[in-house]
Amino acid sequence: MGQSRWSFTILLLHCIIDNMSDIIWAKDLRPGNTFLFKDNLYQVIENSFNKTAMREGIVKCKVKNLRTGAITIEVLTGEKLEKAQVSTTKMVFSYSDGNNFVFFDNSTYETIEIPRSRLEWEKNFIVEGTEVSIQKYNDEILGVSLPDQVTVEIKEAEEAVQGNTVTSVQKKAWITSGYEVFVPQFVKKGDKILINTTTGEYVSRTH
């Protein structure tokens, strides 16, 4: 009986330690940490801890809601928060069926579908073979991160203005997704260019 009680006590201590490892005090948060708070999933951008006459001090965090993308300031003074394990998986864009974008994991051969409506910006720059980073919380897909720059093809481009030697003059062009971008006069239909996926701007012509 004594041995059984001792084993149970050890097991209980392990459970308590495991649970404590999933908790973090707000004042200990660091940029990049992810946690749950009031049914929202947040990632820390900045954390400030101001000592005052109050015993605990004031904790304010600039955070990003990983479900909505909204960035807010949350006052978390004295809060004990549940850590959230967010994973990032590299996957390759395979095809679109019109309503969904299908991505493929070259390591596990897993495929996942993400509704086109959740990729309003990203879909402009995703072409076959594009490698993306997919963030997941348990089985919940949070978002897709593109490479900083991607290579895309010019589907249509305005004609260059004849005789214009000003190198800064740009014209409109459209890539295969239909996205409109301003490019230098020398860029033409069929050319491949690098685009910055954050700003959507032309970077350079490529081969």
N, C-alpha and C. Protein backbone atom coordinates (compact mmCIF):
# COMPACT_ATOMS: atom_id res chain seq x y z
N MET A 1 0.84 -1.21 0.00
CA MET A 1 0.00 0.00 0.00
C MET A 1 0.87 1.26 0.00
N GLY A 2 1.95 1.24 0.84
CA GLY A 2 2.85 2.38 0.91
C GLY A 2 3.49 2.69 -0.43
N GLN A 3 3.92 1.61 -1.12
CA GLN A 3 4.54 1.78 -2.43
C GLN A 3 3.56 2.39 -3.42
N SER A 4 2.30 1.95 -3.35
CA SER A 4 1.26 2.45 -4.25
C SER A 4 1.02 3.94 -4.03
N ARG A 5 0.97 4.34 -2.74
CA ARG A 5 0.76 5.76 -2.42
C ARG A 5 1.94 6.60 -2.91
N TRP A 6 3.15 6.07 -2.75
CA TRP A 6 4.35 6.80 -3.19
C TRP A 6 4.33 6.98 -4.71
N SER A 7 3.96 5.93 -5.43
CA SER A 7 3.88 6.01 -6.89
C SER A 7 2.85 7.04 -7.34
N PHE A 8 1.71 7.06 -6.61
CA PHE A 8 0.66 8.03 -6.94
C PHE A 8 1.15 9.46 -6.69
N THR A 9 1.88 9.65 -5.60
CA THR A 9 2.40 10.99 -5.27
C THR A 9 3.38 11.46 -6.34
N ILE A 10 4.26 10.58 -6.78
CA ILE A 10 5.23 10.92 -7.83
C ILE A 10 4.50 11.30 -9.11
N LEU A 11 3.48 10.51 -9.47
CA LEU A 11 2.70 10.78 -10.67
C LEU A 11 2.01 12.13 -10.58
N LEU A 12 1.46 12.44 -9.39
CA LEU A 12 0.77 13.71 -9.19
C LEU A 12 1.74 14.87 -9.33
N LEU A 13 2.96 14.72 -8.77
CA LEU A 13 3.97 15.77 -8.87
C LEU A 13 4.36 16.01 -10.32
N HIS A 14 4.49 14.94 -11.10
CA HIS A 14 4.82 15.06 -12.51
C HIS A 14 3.72 15.84 -13.25
N CYS A 15 2.46 15.54 -12.92
CA CYS A 15 1.34 16.24 -13.56
C CYS A 15 1.36 17.72 -13.22
N ILE A 16 1.65 18.03 -11.96
CA ILE A 16 1.70 19.44 -11.53
C ILE A 16 2.81 20.17 -12.27
N ILE A 17 3.99 19.53 -12.34
CA ILE A 17 5.13 20.15 -13.03
C ILE A 17 4.82 20.36 -14.50
N ASP A 18 4.19 19.35 -15.13
CA ASP A 18 3.82 19.48 -16.55
C ASP A 18 2.87 20.64 -16.77
N ASN A 19 1.89 20.76 -15.86
CA ASN A 19 0.92 21.85 -15.99
C ASN A 19 1.58 23.21 -15.79
N MET A 20 2.52 23.27 -14.81
CA MET A 20 3.22 24.53 -14.56
C MET A 20 4.07 24.94 -15.76
N SER A 21 4.59 23.95 -16.48
CA SER A 21 5.44 24.26 -17.64
C SER A 21 4.63 24.89 -18.77
N ASP A 22 3.31 24.74 -18.70
CA ASP A 22 2.44 25.33 -19.72
C ASP A 22 1.94 26.71 -19.33
N ILE A 23 2.39 27.21 -18.17
CA ILE A 23 1.95 28.52 -17.67
C ILE A 23 3.13 29.48 -17.66
N ILE A 24 2.86 30.73 -18.01
CA ILE A 24 3.91 31.76 -17.95
C ILE A 24 3.32 33.04 -17.37
N TRP A 25 4.09 33.68 -16.50
CA TRP A 25 3.65 34.97 -15.96
C TRP A 25 3.80 36.03 -17.05
N ALA A 26 2.86 36.96 -17.08
CA ALA A 26 2.86 38.00 -18.12
C ALA A 26 4.17 38.79 -18.14
N LYS A 27 4.74 39.06 -16.96
CA LYS A 27 5.97 39.85 -16.90
C LYS A 27 7.17 39.12 -17.52
N ASP A 28 7.03 37.80 -17.69
CA ASP A 28 8.12 37.00 -18.26
C ASP A 28 7.98 36.78 -19.77
N LEU A 29 6.92 37.34 -20.37
CA LEU A 29 6.73 37.17 -21.81
C LEU A 29 7.85 37.86 -22.58
N ARG A 30 8.22 37.26 -23.71
CA ARG A 30 9.24 37.81 -24.58
C ARG A 30 8.72 37.83 -26.03
N PRO A 31 9.25 38.73 -26.87
CA PRO A 31 8.82 38.77 -28.26
C PRO A 31 8.91 37.39 -28.91
N GLY A 32 7.84 37.02 -29.61
CA GLY A 32 7.80 35.71 -30.25
C GLY A 32 7.02 34.68 -29.47
N ASN A 33 6.86 34.90 -28.14
CA ASN A 33 6.08 33.96 -27.32
C ASN A 33 4.62 33.95 -27.78
N THR A 34 3.98 32.79 -27.70
CA THR A 34 2.56 32.68 -28.05
C THR A 34 1.80 32.18 -26.82
N PHE A 35 0.59 32.73 -26.61
CA PHE A 35 -0.18 32.37 -25.43
C PHE A 35 -1.67 32.56 -25.68
N LEU A 36 -2.47 31.95 -24.80
CA LEU A 36 -3.92 32.07 -24.87
C LEU A 36 -4.38 33.06 -23.80
N PHE A 37 -5.33 33.93 -24.18
CA PHE A 37 -5.86 34.92 -23.24
C PHE A 37 -7.26 35.30 -23.68
N LYS A 38 -8.25 35.06 -22.81
CA LYS A 38 -9.65 35.38 -23.09
C LYS A 38 -10.10 34.77 -24.43
N ASP A 39 -9.78 33.50 -24.62
CA ASP A 39 -10.16 32.73 -25.81
C ASP A 39 -9.51 33.22 -27.10
N ASN A 40 -8.50 34.06 -26.98
CA ASN A 40 -7.76 34.52 -28.16
C ASN A 40 -6.35 33.95 -28.14
N LEU A 41 -5.78 33.80 -29.31
CA LEU A 41 -4.43 33.27 -29.46
C LEU A 41 -3.51 34.41 -29.89
N TYR A 42 -2.53 34.74 -29.06
CA TYR A 42 -1.69 35.90 -29.31
C TYR A 42 -0.22 35.53 -29.48
N GLN A 43 0.48 36.38 -30.24
CA GLN A 43 1.94 36.32 -30.31
C GLN A 43 2.48 37.67 -29.86
N VAL A 44 3.49 37.64 -28.99
CA VAL A 44 4.05 38.87 -28.44
C VAL A 44 4.93 39.57 -29.48
N ILE A 45 4.69 40.87 -29.65
CA ILE A 45 5.55 41.70 -30.49
C ILE A 45 6.50 42.48 -29.59
N GLU A 46 5.95 43.13 -28.56
CA GLU A 46 6.76 43.86 -27.58
C GLU A 46 6.12 43.67 -26.21
N ASN A 47 6.97 43.68 -25.18
CA ASN A 47 6.46 43.57 -23.82
C ASN A 47 7.14 44.62 -22.94
N SER A 48 6.35 45.37 -22.19
CA SER A 48 6.93 46.38 -21.29
C SER A 48 6.45 46.10 -19.86
N PHE A 49 7.40 46.16 -18.93
CA PHE A 49 7.11 45.92 -17.52
C PHE A 49 7.59 47.14 -16.74
N ASN A 50 6.64 47.96 -16.27
CA ASN A 50 6.98 49.21 -15.59
C ASN A 50 6.76 49.07 -14.09
N LYS A 51 7.84 49.23 -13.35
CA LYS A 51 7.75 49.18 -11.90
C LYS A 51 7.11 50.47 -11.38
N THR A 52 6.18 50.33 -10.49
CA THR A 52 5.52 51.49 -9.87
C THR A 52 5.43 51.23 -8.37
N ALA A 53 4.65 52.05 -7.72
CA ALA A 53 4.42 51.83 -6.29
C ALA A 53 3.65 50.53 -6.06
N MET A 54 2.98 50.09 -7.13
CA MET A 54 2.26 48.82 -7.03
C MET A 54 3.28 47.70 -6.88
N ARG A 55 2.95 46.69 -6.13
CA ARG A 55 3.87 45.60 -5.87
C ARG A 55 4.22 44.85 -7.16
N GLU A 56 3.23 44.66 -8.03
CA GLU A 56 3.45 43.85 -9.22
C GLU A 56 4.00 44.63 -10.40
N GLY A 57 3.81 45.94 -10.41
CA GLY A 57 4.18 46.70 -11.59
C GLY A 57 3.10 46.55 -12.65
N ILE A 58 3.27 47.26 -13.76
CA ILE A 58 2.28 47.23 -14.84
C ILE A 58 2.89 46.54 -16.06
N VAL A 59 2.18 45.55 -16.57
CA VAL A 59 2.64 44.81 -17.75
C VAL A 59 1.73 45.14 -18.93
N LYS A 60 2.34 45.70 -19.97
CA LYS A 60 1.60 45.97 -21.20
C LYS A 60 2.30 45.26 -22.35
N CYS A 61 1.51 44.57 -23.16
CA CYS A 61 2.07 43.81 -24.28
C CYS A 61 1.46 44.28 -25.60
N LYS A 62 2.35 44.51 -26.57
CA LYS A 62 1.88 44.70 -27.94
C LYS A 62 1.84 43.32 -28.56
N VAL A 63 0.65 42.90 -28.97
CA VAL A 63 0.47 41.52 -29.42
C VAL A 63 -0.26 41.46 -30.77
N LYS A 64 -0.06 40.35 -31.45
CA LYS A 64 -0.78 40.08 -32.69
C LYS A 64 -1.72 38.91 -32.46
N ASN A 65 -3.00 39.11 -32.80
CA ASN A 65 -3.98 38.03 -32.72
C ASN A 65 -3.73 37.11 -33.92
N LEU A 66 -3.31 35.89 -33.66
CA LEU A 66 -2.93 34.98 -34.74
C LEU A 66 -4.13 34.45 -35.52
N ARG A 67 -5.33 34.70 -35.01
CA ARG A 67 -6.52 34.26 -35.74
C ARG A 67 -7.08 35.36 -36.64
N THR A 68 -6.96 36.61 -36.19
CA THR A 68 -7.54 37.72 -36.95
C THR A 68 -6.50 38.61 -37.61
N GLY A 69 -5.26 38.55 -37.11
CA GLY A 69 -4.22 39.43 -37.63
C GLY A 69 -4.18 40.79 -36.97
N ALA A 70 -5.15 41.08 -36.10
CA ALA A 70 -5.23 42.39 -35.45
C ALA A 70 -4.08 42.56 -34.45
N ILE A 71 -3.53 43.77 -34.41
CA ILE A 71 -2.46 44.10 -33.47
C ILE A 71 -3.02 45.06 -32.42
N THR A 72 -2.88 44.69 -31.16
CA THR A 72 -3.45 45.48 -30.07
C THR A 72 -2.46 45.57 -28.91
N ILE A 73 -2.79 46.45 -27.96
CA ILE A 73 -2.03 46.56 -26.70
C ILE A 73 -2.90 45.94 -25.61
N GLU A 74 -2.38 44.93 -24.93
CA GLU A 74 -3.13 44.27 -23.86
C GLU A 74 -2.44 44.53 -22.52
N VAL A 75 -3.24 44.92 -21.53
CA VAL A 75 -2.73 45.09 -20.16
C VAL A 75 -2.85 43.74 -19.46
N LEU A 76 -1.70 43.18 -19.07
CA LEU A 76 -1.69 41.82 -18.54
C LEU A 76 -1.10 41.75 -17.13
N THR A 77 -1.18 42.84 -16.40
CA THR A 77 -0.60 42.90 -15.06
C THR A 77 -1.09 41.76 -14.18
N GLY A 78 -0.14 40.99 -13.64
CA GLY A 78 -0.48 39.92 -12.70
C GLY A 78 -1.07 38.68 -13.32
N GLU A 79 -1.17 38.63 -14.63
CA GLU A 79 -1.82 37.49 -15.29
C GLU A 79 -0.88 36.29 -15.38
N LYS A 80 -1.45 35.11 -15.10
CA LYS A 80 -0.78 33.85 -15.40
C LYS A 80 -1.41 33.32 -16.68
N LEU A 81 -0.61 33.09 -17.70
CA LEU A 81 -1.12 32.80 -19.03
C LEU A 81 -0.75 31.39 -19.47
N GLU A 82 -1.61 30.82 -20.26
CA GLU A 82 -1.34 29.49 -20.81
C GLU A 82 -0.53 29.61 -22.09
N LYS A 83 0.62 28.95 -22.12
CA LYS A 83 1.43 28.95 -23.33
C LYS A 83 0.70 28.22 -24.45
N ALA A 84 0.94 28.65 -25.67
CA ALA A 84 0.35 27.99 -26.84
C ALA A 84 1.49 27.53 -27.75
N GLN A 85 1.49 26.26 -28.07
CA GLN A 85 2.52 25.72 -28.94
C GLN A 85 2.08 25.84 -30.40
N VAL A 86 2.63 26.84 -31.07
CA VAL A 86 2.31 27.07 -32.48
C VAL A 86 3.44 26.49 -33.33
N SER A 87 3.09 25.62 -34.26
CA SER A 87 4.10 24.99 -35.11
C SER A 87 4.12 25.65 -36.48
N THR A 88 5.27 25.59 -37.12
CA THR A 88 5.43 26.12 -38.47
C THR A 88 5.92 25.00 -39.37
N THR A 89 5.20 24.77 -40.47
CA THR A 89 5.53 23.68 -41.40
C THR A 89 5.77 24.24 -42.79
N LYS A 90 6.86 23.80 -43.41
CA LYS A 90 7.15 24.19 -44.79
C LYS A 90 6.32 23.31 -45.73
N MET A 91 5.57 23.94 -46.63
CA MET A 91 4.79 23.20 -47.60
C MET A 91 4.89 23.89 -48.96
N VAL A 92 4.55 23.13 -50.00
CA VAL A 92 4.66 23.64 -51.37
C VAL A 92 3.27 23.73 -51.98
N PHE A 93 3.01 24.86 -52.67
CA PHE A 93 1.71 25.01 -53.34
C PHE A 93 1.63 24.02 -54.50
N SER A 94 0.53 23.26 -54.52
CA SER A 94 0.34 22.25 -55.56
C SER A 94 -0.63 22.71 -56.65
N TYR A 95 -1.87 23.07 -56.23
CA TYR A 95 -2.85 23.52 -57.21
C TYR A 95 -4.02 24.20 -56.51
N SER A 96 -4.87 24.83 -57.29
CA SER A 96 -6.09 25.45 -56.77
C SER A 96 -7.28 24.83 -57.50
N ASP A 97 -8.30 24.49 -56.72
CA ASP A 97 -9.51 23.93 -57.34
C ASP A 97 -10.58 25.00 -57.55
N GLY A 98 -10.17 26.26 -57.40
CA GLY A 98 -11.11 27.36 -57.57
C GLY A 98 -11.53 27.95 -56.25
N ASN A 99 -11.88 27.08 -55.29
CA ASN A 99 -12.30 27.55 -53.98
C ASN A 99 -11.21 27.41 -52.92
N ASN A 100 -10.29 26.47 -53.16
CA ASN A 100 -9.24 26.19 -52.17
C ASN A 100 -7.87 26.15 -52.83
N PHE A 101 -6.87 26.49 -52.02
CA PHE A 101 -5.48 26.30 -52.42
C PHE A 101 -4.99 25.04 -51.72
N VAL A 102 -4.36 24.16 -52.47
CA VAL A 102 -3.90 22.88 -51.93
C VAL A 102 -2.37 22.91 -51.81
N PHE A 103 -1.89 22.58 -50.59
CA PHE A 103 -0.45 22.59 -50.32
C PHE A 103 0.00 21.18 -49.96
N PHE A 104 1.27 20.88 -50.27
CA PHE A 104 1.82 19.54 -50.14
C PHE A 104 3.08 19.57 -49.31
N ASP A 105 3.18 18.63 -48.36
CA ASP A 105 4.38 18.50 -47.53
C ASP A 105 5.28 17.44 -48.16
N ASN A 106 6.45 17.85 -48.64
CA ASN A 106 7.35 16.92 -49.32
C ASN A 106 7.93 15.85 -48.40
N SER A 107 7.89 16.10 -47.08
CA SER A 107 8.46 15.14 -46.13
C SER A 107 7.45 14.07 -45.72
N THR A 108 6.22 14.52 -45.42
CA THR A 108 5.21 13.59 -44.92
C THR A 108 4.17 13.20 -45.97
N TYR A 109 4.20 13.89 -47.12
CA TYR A 109 3.23 13.67 -48.20
C TYR A 109 1.81 14.09 -47.80
N GLU A 110 1.72 14.84 -46.71
CA GLU A 110 0.42 15.35 -46.27
C GLU A 110 -0.02 16.49 -47.18
N THR A 111 -1.30 16.58 -47.45
CA THR A 111 -1.85 17.73 -48.19
C THR A 111 -2.88 18.42 -47.32
N ILE A 112 -2.94 19.74 -47.43
CA ILE A 112 -3.98 20.49 -46.73
C ILE A 112 -4.62 21.48 -47.69
N GLU A 113 -5.86 21.79 -47.43
CA GLU A 113 -6.60 22.77 -48.23
C GLU A 113 -6.85 24.01 -47.40
N ILE A 114 -6.61 25.16 -48.00
CA ILE A 114 -6.90 26.44 -47.33
C ILE A 114 -7.85 27.22 -48.23
N PRO A 115 -8.99 27.66 -47.70
CA PRO A 115 -9.95 28.41 -48.52
C PRO A 115 -9.31 29.62 -49.17
N ARG A 116 -9.64 29.84 -50.42
CA ARG A 116 -9.11 30.98 -51.17
C ARG A 116 -9.40 32.29 -50.46
N SER A 117 -10.55 32.35 -49.76
CA SER A 117 -10.98 33.58 -49.09
C SER A 117 -10.05 33.96 -47.94
N ARG A 118 -9.26 33.00 -47.44
CA ARG A 118 -8.33 33.30 -46.34
C ARG A 118 -6.96 33.74 -46.85
N LEU A 119 -6.82 33.78 -48.17
CA LEU A 119 -5.53 34.14 -48.76
C LEU A 119 -5.69 35.33 -49.70
N GLU A 120 -6.45 36.33 -49.27
CA GLU A 120 -6.78 37.46 -50.14
C GLU A 120 -5.54 38.17 -50.67
N TRP A 121 -4.53 38.33 -49.85
CA TRP A 121 -3.29 38.98 -50.31
C TRP A 121 -2.32 37.96 -50.88
N GLU A 122 -2.12 36.88 -50.18
CA GLU A 122 -1.12 35.89 -50.56
C GLU A 122 -1.38 35.27 -51.93
N LYS A 123 -2.67 35.12 -52.30
CA LYS A 123 -2.99 34.44 -53.57
C LYS A 123 -2.43 35.18 -54.78
N ASN A 124 -2.12 36.47 -54.62
CA ASN A 124 -1.57 37.24 -55.74
C ASN A 124 -0.18 36.74 -56.16
N PHE A 125 0.52 36.09 -55.23
CA PHE A 125 1.92 35.76 -55.47
C PHE A 125 2.22 34.27 -55.37
N ILE A 126 1.18 33.46 -55.21
CA ILE A 126 1.39 32.01 -55.10
C ILE A 126 1.26 31.38 -56.49
N VAL A 127 2.32 30.75 -56.93
CA VAL A 127 2.32 30.01 -58.20
C VAL A 127 2.76 28.58 -57.91
N GLU A 128 2.57 27.71 -58.86
CA GLU A 128 2.94 26.30 -58.68
C GLU A 128 4.40 26.18 -58.24
N GLY A 129 4.60 25.43 -57.15
CA GLY A 129 5.96 25.22 -56.66
C GLY A 129 6.40 26.22 -55.60
N THR A 130 5.58 27.24 -55.31
CA THR A 130 5.94 28.21 -54.28
C THR A 130 5.98 27.54 -52.91
N GLU A 131 7.09 27.70 -52.21
CA GLU A 131 7.20 27.15 -50.86
C GLU A 131 6.73 28.19 -49.85
N VAL A 132 5.85 27.77 -48.96
CA VAL A 132 5.31 28.67 -47.94
C VAL A 132 5.51 28.07 -46.57
N SER A 133 5.35 28.90 -45.54
CA SER A 133 5.37 28.43 -44.15
C SER A 133 3.96 28.52 -43.61
N ILE A 134 3.45 27.41 -43.12
CA ILE A 134 2.08 27.36 -42.61
C ILE A 134 2.10 27.23 -41.09
N GLN A 135 1.45 28.18 -40.42
CA GLN A 135 1.37 28.16 -38.96
C GLN A 135 0.13 27.40 -38.52
N LYS A 136 0.33 26.51 -37.53
CA LYS A 136 -0.79 25.71 -37.04
C LYS A 136 -0.79 25.70 -35.51
N TYR A 137 -1.97 25.72 -34.94
CA TYR A 137 -2.15 25.52 -33.51
C TYR A 137 -3.03 24.30 -33.35
N ASN A 138 -2.44 23.21 -32.86
CA ASN A 138 -3.11 21.90 -32.89
C ASN A 138 -3.48 21.61 -34.35
N ASP A 139 -4.76 21.45 -34.64
CA ASP A 139 -5.16 21.19 -36.04
C ASP A 139 -5.69 22.45 -36.72
N GLU A 140 -5.62 23.57 -36.03
CA GLU A 140 -6.15 24.83 -36.56
C GLU A 140 -5.08 25.55 -37.40
N ILE A 141 -5.41 25.85 -38.64
CA ILE A 141 -4.49 26.57 -39.52
C ILE A 141 -4.66 28.06 -39.27
N LEU A 142 -3.55 28.71 -38.90
CA LEU A 142 -3.61 30.12 -38.52
C LEU A 142 -3.28 31.05 -39.68
N GLY A 143 -2.35 30.65 -40.51
CA GLY A 143 -1.97 31.54 -41.60
C GLY A 143 -0.87 30.96 -42.46
N VAL A 144 -0.60 31.68 -43.54
CA VAL A 144 0.42 31.27 -44.50
C VAL A 144 1.41 32.42 -44.66
N SER A 145 2.69 32.12 -44.52
CA SER A 145 3.74 33.13 -44.73
C SER A 145 4.47 32.84 -46.02
N LEU A 146 4.58 33.84 -46.87
CA LEU A 146 5.28 33.71 -48.15
C LEU A 146 6.75 34.02 -47.98
N PRO A 147 7.58 33.59 -48.93
CA PRO A 147 8.97 34.07 -48.95
C PRO A 147 8.96 35.59 -49.11
N ASP A 148 10.05 36.26 -48.70
CA ASP A 148 10.11 37.72 -48.82
C ASP A 148 9.94 38.18 -50.26
N GLN A 149 10.47 37.38 -51.20
CA GLN A 149 10.37 37.70 -52.62
C GLN A 149 10.02 36.44 -53.40
N VAL A 150 9.23 36.60 -54.45
CA VAL A 150 8.89 35.47 -55.32
C VAL A 150 9.09 35.86 -56.77
N THR A 151 9.34 34.85 -57.60
CA THR A 151 9.48 35.08 -59.04
C THR A 151 8.14 34.82 -59.71
N VAL A 152 7.68 35.77 -60.49
CA VAL A 152 6.40 35.65 -61.20
C VAL A 152 6.59 36.07 -62.65
N GLU A 153 5.63 35.68 -63.47
CA GLU A 153 5.71 36.00 -64.91
C GLU A 153 4.76 37.12 -65.29
N ILE A 154 5.21 37.99 -66.17
CA ILE A 154 4.38 39.08 -66.68
C ILE A 154 3.44 38.52 -67.75
N LYS A 155 2.14 38.67 -67.48
CA LYS A 155 1.13 38.17 -68.43
C LYS A 155 0.80 39.22 -69.47
N GLU A 156 0.70 40.46 -69.05
CA GLU A 156 0.44 41.59 -69.94
C GLU A 156 1.20 42.80 -69.42
N ALA A 157 1.57 43.69 -70.35
CA ALA A 157 2.27 44.91 -69.96
C ALA A 157 1.94 46.02 -70.95
N GLU A 158 1.84 47.23 -70.43
CA GLU A 158 1.63 48.38 -71.32
C GLU A 158 2.84 48.55 -72.22
N GLU A 159 2.62 49.20 -73.34
CA GLU A 159 3.72 49.48 -74.26
C GLU A 159 4.63 50.54 -73.65
N ALA A 160 5.92 50.41 -73.93
CA ALA A 160 6.87 51.41 -73.46
C ALA A 160 6.66 52.71 -74.22
N VAL A 161 6.90 53.82 -73.56
CA VAL A 161 6.77 55.13 -74.20
C VAL A 161 8.02 55.37 -75.03
N GLN A 162 7.83 55.44 -76.34
CA GLN A 162 8.97 55.60 -77.25
C GLN A 162 9.69 56.93 -76.99
N GLY A 163 11.03 56.85 -76.96
CA GLY A 163 11.82 58.06 -76.80
C GLY A 163 11.98 58.53 -75.38
N ASN A 164 11.32 57.85 -74.43
CA ASN A 164 11.43 58.27 -73.04
C ASN A 164 12.67 57.62 -72.42
N THR A 165 13.63 58.43 -72.07
CA THR A 165 14.90 57.93 -71.54
C THR A 165 15.02 58.08 -70.02
N VAL A 166 13.95 58.54 -69.40
CA VAL A 166 13.97 58.70 -67.94
C VAL A 166 13.83 57.33 -67.29
N THR A 167 14.87 56.90 -66.58
CA THR A 167 14.89 55.54 -66.05
C THR A 167 13.86 55.30 -64.95
N SER A 168 13.38 56.38 -64.31
CA SER A 168 12.45 56.21 -63.20
C SER A 168 11.00 56.06 -63.67
N VAL A 169 10.75 56.28 -64.95
CA VAL A 169 9.38 56.17 -65.48
C VAL A 169 8.95 54.70 -65.47
N GLN A 170 7.75 54.47 -64.97
CA GLN A 170 7.23 53.11 -64.90
C GLN A 170 5.92 52.99 -65.66
N LYS A 171 5.53 51.77 -65.90
CA LYS A 171 4.27 51.49 -66.59
C LYS A 171 3.54 50.36 -65.86
N LYS A 172 2.29 50.14 -66.22
CA LYS A 172 1.50 49.09 -65.59
C LYS A 172 1.77 47.75 -66.27
N ALA A 173 1.76 46.71 -65.44
CA ALA A 173 1.87 45.35 -65.95
C ALA A 173 1.03 44.44 -65.05
N TRP A 174 0.71 43.26 -65.57
CA TRP A 174 -0.11 42.32 -64.82
C TRP A 174 0.56 40.96 -64.83
N ILE A 175 0.67 40.35 -63.65
CA ILE A 175 1.28 39.02 -63.57
C ILE A 175 0.20 37.96 -63.77
N THR A 176 0.58 36.68 -63.78
CA THR A 176 -0.36 35.61 -64.14
C THR A 176 -1.57 35.52 -63.22
N SER A 177 -1.44 35.98 -61.99
CA SER A 177 -2.57 35.95 -61.05
C SER A 177 -3.56 37.06 -61.32
N GLY A 178 -3.16 38.04 -62.16
CA GLY A 178 -4.01 39.19 -62.42
C GLY A 178 -3.63 40.40 -61.60
N TYR A 179 -2.68 40.25 -60.69
CA TYR A 179 -2.25 41.35 -59.85
C TYR A 179 -1.53 42.42 -60.68
N GLU A 180 -1.88 43.68 -60.42
CA GLU A 180 -1.29 44.80 -61.17
C GLU A 180 -0.06 45.33 -60.43
N VAL A 181 1.01 45.56 -61.19
CA VAL A 181 2.25 46.04 -60.60
C VAL A 181 2.89 47.06 -61.53
N PHE A 182 3.55 48.04 -60.97
CA PHE A 182 4.28 49.02 -61.78
C PHE A 182 5.70 48.51 -62.00
N VAL A 183 6.11 48.54 -63.28
CA VAL A 183 7.43 48.02 -63.66
C VAL A 183 8.16 49.04 -64.53
N PRO A 184 9.48 48.89 -64.68
CA PRO A 184 10.24 49.78 -65.58
C PRO A 184 9.79 49.60 -67.03
N GLN A 185 10.11 50.58 -67.86
CA GLN A 185 9.68 50.59 -69.25
C GLN A 185 10.17 49.37 -70.04
N PHE A 186 11.34 48.83 -69.67
CA PHE A 186 11.92 47.74 -70.46
C PHE A 186 11.28 46.37 -70.20
N VAL A 187 10.47 46.24 -69.17
CA VAL A 187 9.83 44.96 -68.87
C VAL A 187 8.69 44.72 -69.85
N LYS A 188 8.61 43.49 -70.36
CA LYS A 188 7.59 43.17 -71.37
C LYS A 188 6.90 41.85 -71.06
N LYS A 189 5.87 41.57 -71.82
CA LYS A 189 5.10 40.33 -71.65
C LYS A 189 6.03 39.12 -71.76
N GLY A 190 5.85 38.16 -70.83
CA GLY A 190 6.68 36.97 -70.85
C GLY A 190 7.90 37.05 -69.96
N ASP A 191 8.28 38.26 -69.56
CA ASP A 191 9.43 38.41 -68.66
C ASP A 191 9.09 37.87 -67.28
N LYS A 192 10.13 37.47 -66.56
CA LYS A 192 9.96 37.05 -65.17
C LYS A 192 10.60 38.10 -64.27
N ILE A 193 9.87 38.43 -63.21
CA ILE A 193 10.35 39.48 -62.30
C ILE A 193 10.28 38.99 -60.86
N LEU A 194 11.05 39.65 -60.00
CA LEU A 194 10.96 39.43 -58.57
C LEU A 194 10.00 40.45 -57.97
N ILE A 195 9.12 39.99 -57.11
CA ILE A 195 8.18 40.88 -56.42
C ILE A 195 8.35 40.73 -54.92
N ASN A 196 8.30 41.87 -54.22
CA ASN A 196 8.32 41.87 -52.77
C ASN A 196 6.90 41.50 -52.29
N THR A 197 6.78 40.40 -51.55
CA THR A 197 5.45 39.91 -51.17
C THR A 197 4.81 40.70 -50.04
N THR A 198 5.58 41.55 -49.37
CA THR A 198 5.02 42.39 -48.31
C THR A 198 4.39 43.65 -48.89
N THR A 199 5.11 44.28 -49.82
CA THR A 199 4.62 45.53 -50.41
C THR A 199 3.92 45.32 -51.74
N GLY A 200 4.19 44.18 -52.40
CA GLY A 200 3.63 43.93 -53.71
C GLY A 200 4.33 44.71 -54.82
N GLU A 201 5.53 45.20 -54.54
CA GLU A 201 6.24 46.05 -55.51
C GLU A 201 7.30 45.27 -56.28
N TYR A 202 7.56 45.77 -57.49
CA TYR A 202 8.61 45.22 -58.35
C TYR A 202 9.97 45.39 -57.69
N VAL A 203 10.81 44.33 -57.79
CA VAL A 203 12.17 44.38 -57.26
C VAL A 203 13.19 44.42 -58.39
N SER A 204 13.09 43.46 -59.30
CA SER A 204 14.03 43.40 -60.41
C SER A 204 13.52 42.41 -61.46
N ARG A 205 14.12 42.47 -62.63
CA ARG A 205 13.83 41.47 -63.64
C ARG A 205 14.77 40.29 -63.41
N THR A 206 14.29 39.10 -63.68
CA THR A 206 15.11 37.91 -63.47
C THR A 206 15.04 37.03 -64.69
N HIS A 207 15.66 35.87 -64.63
CA HIS A 207 15.70 34.97 -65.77
C HIS A 207 15.13 33.61 -65.40
